[in-house]
């Protein structure tokens, strides 16, 4: 899966998702790759790198349907995901974090 393919997958769950920088206010989704690990080596060539990508859904909706849609989209593509969630009592926002590893 290329980064372009990954973007299309995230945008299918949230059409307003952006790369690197989110809206900063309101409910939003942002994603960015943060590491490229070595992949399968074949005759000293990096044939399949692994991208580490973080997707964050910031929302004030308790059972946010977009966070759920992101999880389903990742699961349907059988992408390895480490999911965490936390909240800020002062702002009343919930932060859903999807740390993904994608071959590509």
N, C-alpha and C. Protein backbone atom coordinates (compact mmCIF):
# COMPACT_ATOMS: atom_id res chain seq x y z
N UNK A 1 0.86 -1.17 0.00
CA UNK A 1 0.00 0.00 0.00
C UNK A 1 0.91 1.24 0.00
N UNK A 2 0.67 2.12 -0.91
CA UNK A 2 1.43 3.37 -0.97
C UNK A 2 0.84 4.39 0.00
N UNK A 3 1.57 5.47 0.23
CA UNK A 3 1.02 6.54 1.07
C UNK A 3 -0.21 7.16 0.42
N UNK A 4 -0.22 7.20 -0.91
CA UNK A 4 -1.39 7.70 -1.63
C UNK A 4 -2.61 6.81 -1.36
N UNK A 5 -2.39 5.50 -1.39
CA UNK A 5 -3.47 4.54 -1.09
C UNK A 5 -3.96 4.70 0.35
N UNK A 6 -3.01 4.91 1.27
CA UNK A 6 -3.38 5.08 2.67
C UNK A 6 -4.22 6.34 2.84
N UNK A 7 -3.81 7.41 2.18
CA UNK A 7 -4.59 8.66 2.25
C UNK A 7 -6.01 8.41 1.76
N UNK A 8 -6.16 7.71 0.65
CA UNK A 8 -7.49 7.42 0.11
C UNK A 8 -8.32 6.62 1.11
N UNK A 9 -7.68 5.70 1.81
CA UNK A 9 -8.38 4.90 2.82
C UNK A 9 -8.89 5.78 3.96
N UNK A 10 -8.05 6.67 4.45
CA UNK A 10 -8.46 7.55 5.56
C UNK A 10 -9.53 8.52 5.10
N UNK A 11 -9.37 9.07 3.90
CA UNK A 11 -10.37 10.01 3.37
C UNK A 11 -11.71 9.32 3.13
N UNK A 12 -11.68 8.02 2.88
CA UNK A 12 -12.95 7.29 2.72
C UNK A 12 -13.72 7.24 4.04
N UNK A 13 -13.00 7.31 5.17
CA UNK A 13 -13.65 7.31 6.48
C UNK A 13 -13.99 8.73 6.95
N UNK A 14 -13.16 9.70 6.55
CA UNK A 14 -13.41 11.11 6.90
C UNK A 14 -12.95 11.97 5.73
N UNK A 15 -13.88 12.47 4.97
CA UNK A 15 -13.57 13.23 3.76
C UNK A 15 -12.80 14.52 4.05
N UNK A 16 -12.79 14.96 5.30
CA UNK A 16 -12.09 16.19 5.66
C UNK A 16 -10.73 15.93 6.30
N UNK A 17 -10.27 14.68 6.32
CA UNK A 17 -8.99 14.34 6.93
C UNK A 17 -7.85 15.05 6.19
N UNK A 18 -6.84 15.47 6.95
CA UNK A 18 -5.70 16.16 6.38
C UNK A 18 -4.40 15.50 6.82
N UNK A 19 -3.35 15.79 6.08
CA UNK A 19 -2.03 15.22 6.37
C UNK A 19 -1.20 16.26 7.12
N UNK A 20 -0.49 15.81 8.12
CA UNK A 20 0.43 16.60 8.95
C UNK A 20 -0.25 17.56 9.92
N UNK A 21 -1.15 18.41 9.45
CA UNK A 21 -1.74 19.43 10.32
C UNK A 21 -3.26 19.35 10.29
N UNK A 22 -3.85 19.31 11.47
CA UNK A 22 -5.30 19.29 11.56
C UNK A 22 -5.86 20.69 11.71
N UNK A 23 -7.14 20.79 11.82
CA UNK A 23 -7.81 22.08 11.94
C UNK A 23 -7.46 22.79 13.24
N UNK A 24 -7.16 22.02 14.26
CA UNK A 24 -6.81 22.62 15.55
C UNK A 24 -8.01 22.98 16.41
N UNK A 25 -9.17 23.08 15.81
CA UNK A 25 -10.39 23.36 16.56
C UNK A 25 -11.50 22.48 16.01
N UNK A 26 -12.52 22.28 16.82
CA UNK A 26 -13.63 21.44 16.38
C UNK A 26 -13.18 19.99 16.26
N UNK A 27 -13.97 19.19 15.60
CA UNK A 27 -13.66 17.78 15.38
C UNK A 27 -12.87 17.64 14.08
N UNK A 28 -11.76 16.90 14.13
CA UNK A 28 -10.95 16.75 12.92
C UNK A 28 -10.11 15.48 12.98
N UNK A 29 -9.65 15.08 11.80
CA UNK A 29 -8.78 13.91 11.66
C UNK A 29 -7.51 14.35 10.94
N UNK A 30 -6.38 13.91 11.46
CA UNK A 30 -5.09 14.21 10.84
C UNK A 30 -4.26 12.93 10.81
N UNK A 31 -3.45 12.79 9.77
CA UNK A 31 -2.59 11.62 9.66
C UNK A 31 -1.23 12.04 9.14
N UNK A 32 -0.20 11.26 9.48
CA UNK A 32 1.15 11.54 8.98
C UNK A 32 2.02 10.31 9.18
N UNK A 33 2.88 10.08 8.23
CA UNK A 33 3.88 9.04 8.40
C UNK A 33 4.98 9.60 9.29
N UNK A 34 5.54 8.75 10.19
CA UNK A 34 6.57 9.25 11.08
C UNK A 34 7.83 8.40 11.07
N UNK A 35 7.79 7.27 10.37
CA UNK A 35 8.98 6.44 10.29
C UNK A 35 8.86 5.49 9.11
N UNK A 36 9.98 5.24 8.49
CA UNK A 36 10.05 4.22 7.44
C UNK A 36 11.07 3.20 7.88
N UNK A 37 10.60 2.02 8.15
CA UNK A 37 11.47 0.93 8.58
C UNK A 37 11.93 0.16 7.37
N UNK A 38 13.09 -0.47 7.51
CA UNK A 38 13.56 -1.33 6.45
C UNK A 38 12.58 -2.45 6.22
N UNK A 39 12.42 -2.82 4.99
CA UNK A 39 11.50 -3.90 4.66
C UNK A 39 12.25 -5.17 4.36
N UNK A 40 11.72 -5.94 3.48
CA UNK A 40 12.31 -7.20 3.07
C UNK A 40 13.45 -6.91 2.11
N UNK A 41 14.63 -7.39 2.44
CA UNK A 41 15.77 -7.18 1.57
C UNK A 41 15.90 -8.32 0.57
N UNK A 42 16.07 -7.96 -0.67
CA UNK A 42 16.28 -8.95 -1.73
C UNK A 42 17.49 -8.48 -2.54
N UNK A 43 18.58 -9.19 -2.41
CA UNK A 43 19.81 -8.85 -3.11
C UNK A 43 20.22 -7.40 -2.84
N UNK A 44 20.21 -7.03 -1.56
CA UNK A 44 20.61 -5.69 -1.11
C UNK A 44 19.69 -4.58 -1.57
N UNK A 45 18.48 -4.89 -1.95
CA UNK A 45 17.50 -3.88 -2.34
C UNK A 45 16.39 -3.85 -1.30
N UNK A 46 15.94 -2.69 -1.00
CA UNK A 46 14.81 -2.54 -0.10
C UNK A 46 13.55 -2.71 -0.94
N UNK A 47 12.95 -3.89 -0.86
CA UNK A 47 11.83 -4.18 -1.75
C UNK A 47 10.47 -3.83 -1.15
N UNK A 48 10.32 -3.94 0.16
CA UNK A 48 9.03 -3.65 0.78
C UNK A 48 9.25 -2.89 2.08
N UNK A 49 9.35 -1.57 2.02
CA UNK A 49 9.49 -0.82 3.26
C UNK A 49 8.20 -0.87 4.07
N UNK A 50 8.35 -0.61 5.34
CA UNK A 50 7.19 -0.54 6.23
C UNK A 50 7.05 0.90 6.69
N UNK A 51 5.92 1.50 6.42
CA UNK A 51 5.62 2.86 6.87
C UNK A 51 4.91 2.79 8.21
N UNK A 52 5.40 3.57 9.17
CA UNK A 52 4.70 3.76 10.45
C UNK A 52 3.92 5.07 10.31
N UNK A 53 2.62 4.97 10.47
CA UNK A 53 1.74 6.11 10.23
C UNK A 53 0.82 6.27 11.44
N UNK A 54 0.66 7.51 11.87
CA UNK A 54 -0.25 7.81 12.97
C UNK A 54 -1.46 8.57 12.42
N UNK A 55 -2.63 8.09 12.80
CA UNK A 55 -3.89 8.78 12.49
C UNK A 55 -4.47 9.21 13.83
N UNK A 56 -4.87 10.48 13.92
CA UNK A 56 -5.50 10.97 15.14
C UNK A 56 -6.86 11.57 14.82
N UNK A 57 -7.83 11.17 15.60
CA UNK A 57 -9.18 11.72 15.50
C UNK A 57 -9.44 12.48 16.79
N UNK A 58 -9.59 13.78 16.68
CA UNK A 58 -9.86 14.64 17.82
C UNK A 58 -11.34 15.02 17.75
N UNK A 59 -12.07 14.73 18.81
CA UNK A 59 -13.52 14.92 18.76
C UNK A 59 -14.09 15.19 20.15
N UNK A 60 -15.22 15.83 20.18
CA UNK A 60 -15.94 16.00 21.44
C UNK A 60 -17.20 15.13 21.47
N UNK A 61 -17.29 14.20 20.53
CA UNK A 61 -18.42 13.27 20.44
C UNK A 61 -18.01 11.96 21.12
N UNK A 62 -18.77 11.54 22.11
CA UNK A 62 -18.39 10.37 22.90
C UNK A 62 -18.27 9.10 22.04
N UNK A 63 -19.25 8.80 21.26
CA UNK A 63 -19.21 7.62 20.37
C UNK A 63 -19.10 8.11 18.94
N UNK A 64 -17.96 8.67 18.62
CA UNK A 64 -17.76 9.33 17.34
C UNK A 64 -17.84 8.34 16.17
N UNK A 65 -18.76 8.54 15.25
CA UNK A 65 -18.89 7.61 14.12
C UNK A 65 -17.69 7.65 13.17
N UNK A 66 -17.00 8.76 13.10
CA UNK A 66 -15.84 8.82 12.22
C UNK A 66 -14.68 8.02 12.81
N UNK A 67 -14.48 8.08 14.12
CA UNK A 67 -13.45 7.24 14.74
C UNK A 67 -13.74 5.77 14.48
N UNK A 68 -15.00 5.41 14.58
CA UNK A 68 -15.42 4.02 14.29
C UNK A 68 -15.18 3.67 12.83
N UNK A 69 -15.48 4.61 11.92
CA UNK A 69 -15.27 4.38 10.49
C UNK A 69 -13.79 4.21 10.16
N UNK A 70 -12.94 4.96 10.84
CA UNK A 70 -11.49 4.82 10.63
C UNK A 70 -11.04 3.42 11.03
N UNK A 71 -11.49 2.98 12.20
CA UNK A 71 -11.10 1.64 12.68
C UNK A 71 -11.58 0.57 11.71
N UNK A 72 -12.81 0.67 11.23
CA UNK A 72 -13.33 -0.33 10.30
C UNK A 72 -12.55 -0.31 8.98
N UNK A 73 -12.21 0.87 8.50
CA UNK A 73 -11.44 0.97 7.24
C UNK A 73 -10.08 0.30 7.40
N UNK A 74 -9.41 0.53 8.51
CA UNK A 74 -8.10 -0.07 8.75
C UNK A 74 -8.22 -1.59 8.90
N UNK A 75 -9.22 -2.03 9.64
CA UNK A 75 -9.43 -3.47 9.83
C UNK A 75 -9.77 -4.17 8.52
N UNK A 76 -10.59 -3.54 7.69
CA UNK A 76 -10.96 -4.14 6.41
C UNK A 76 -9.77 -4.34 5.49
N UNK A 77 -8.76 -3.48 5.62
CA UNK A 77 -7.55 -3.62 4.80
C UNK A 77 -6.48 -4.47 5.51
N UNK A 78 -6.85 -5.01 6.68
CA UNK A 78 -5.96 -5.85 7.47
C UNK A 78 -4.65 -5.15 7.80
N UNK A 79 -4.75 -3.88 8.15
CA UNK A 79 -3.61 -3.08 8.54
C UNK A 79 -3.37 -3.28 10.03
N UNK A 80 -2.11 -3.48 10.41
CA UNK A 80 -1.76 -3.62 11.81
C UNK A 80 -1.97 -2.28 12.50
N UNK A 81 -2.77 -2.29 13.57
CA UNK A 81 -3.12 -1.05 14.27
C UNK A 81 -2.94 -1.23 15.77
N UNK A 82 -2.33 -0.24 16.38
CA UNK A 82 -2.32 -0.13 17.84
C UNK A 82 -3.21 1.07 18.16
N UNK A 83 -4.31 0.83 18.84
CA UNK A 83 -5.31 1.87 19.11
C UNK A 83 -5.23 2.30 20.57
N UNK A 84 -5.21 3.60 20.78
CA UNK A 84 -5.29 4.15 22.13
C UNK A 84 -6.27 5.32 22.11
N UNK A 85 -6.79 5.64 23.27
CA UNK A 85 -7.71 6.76 23.39
C UNK A 85 -7.44 7.46 24.72
N UNK A 86 -7.52 8.77 24.70
CA UNK A 86 -7.44 9.52 25.95
C UNK A 86 -8.35 10.74 25.84
N UNK A 87 -8.54 11.40 26.96
CA UNK A 87 -9.44 12.56 26.96
C UNK A 87 -8.84 13.67 27.81
N UNK A 88 -9.28 14.88 27.53
CA UNK A 88 -8.85 16.05 28.27
C UNK A 88 -10.07 16.64 28.99
N UNK A 89 -10.10 16.55 30.31
CA UNK A 89 -11.29 17.03 31.04
C UNK A 89 -11.50 18.54 30.90
N UNK A 90 -10.43 19.28 30.66
CA UNK A 90 -10.58 20.74 30.53
C UNK A 90 -11.25 21.13 29.21
N UNK A 91 -10.78 20.55 28.12
CA UNK A 91 -11.34 20.91 26.80
C UNK A 91 -12.55 20.07 26.42
N UNK A 92 -12.73 18.93 27.11
CA UNK A 92 -13.81 17.99 26.81
C UNK A 92 -13.62 17.29 25.46
N UNK A 93 -12.37 17.21 24.99
CA UNK A 93 -12.09 16.52 23.73
C UNK A 93 -11.52 15.14 24.00
N UNK A 94 -11.84 14.23 23.09
CA UNK A 94 -11.36 12.85 23.12
C UNK A 94 -10.38 12.69 21.96
N UNK A 95 -9.26 12.05 22.21
CA UNK A 95 -8.24 11.85 21.18
C UNK A 95 -8.11 10.35 20.91
N UNK A 96 -8.52 9.94 19.72
CA UNK A 96 -8.38 8.56 19.27
C UNK A 96 -7.10 8.49 18.45
N UNK A 97 -6.21 7.57 18.81
CA UNK A 97 -4.93 7.45 18.13
C UNK A 97 -4.82 6.05 17.53
N UNK A 98 -4.54 6.02 16.23
CA UNK A 98 -4.38 4.76 15.50
C UNK A 98 -2.93 4.74 14.98
N UNK A 99 -2.07 3.96 15.61
CA UNK A 99 -0.71 3.81 15.12
C UNK A 99 -0.68 2.59 14.20
N UNK A 100 -0.31 2.82 12.95
CA UNK A 100 -0.43 1.79 11.92
C UNK A 100 0.94 1.43 11.34
N UNK A 101 1.06 0.21 10.89
CA UNK A 101 2.21 -0.22 10.11
C UNK A 101 1.70 -0.73 8.78
N UNK A 102 2.25 -0.15 7.72
CA UNK A 102 1.76 -0.42 6.39
C UNK A 102 2.92 -0.83 5.48
N UNK A 103 2.80 -1.97 4.85
CA UNK A 103 3.79 -2.37 3.84
C UNK A 103 3.62 -1.50 2.62
N UNK A 104 4.69 -1.00 2.10
CA UNK A 104 4.50 -0.23 0.89
C UNK A 104 5.69 0.45 0.44
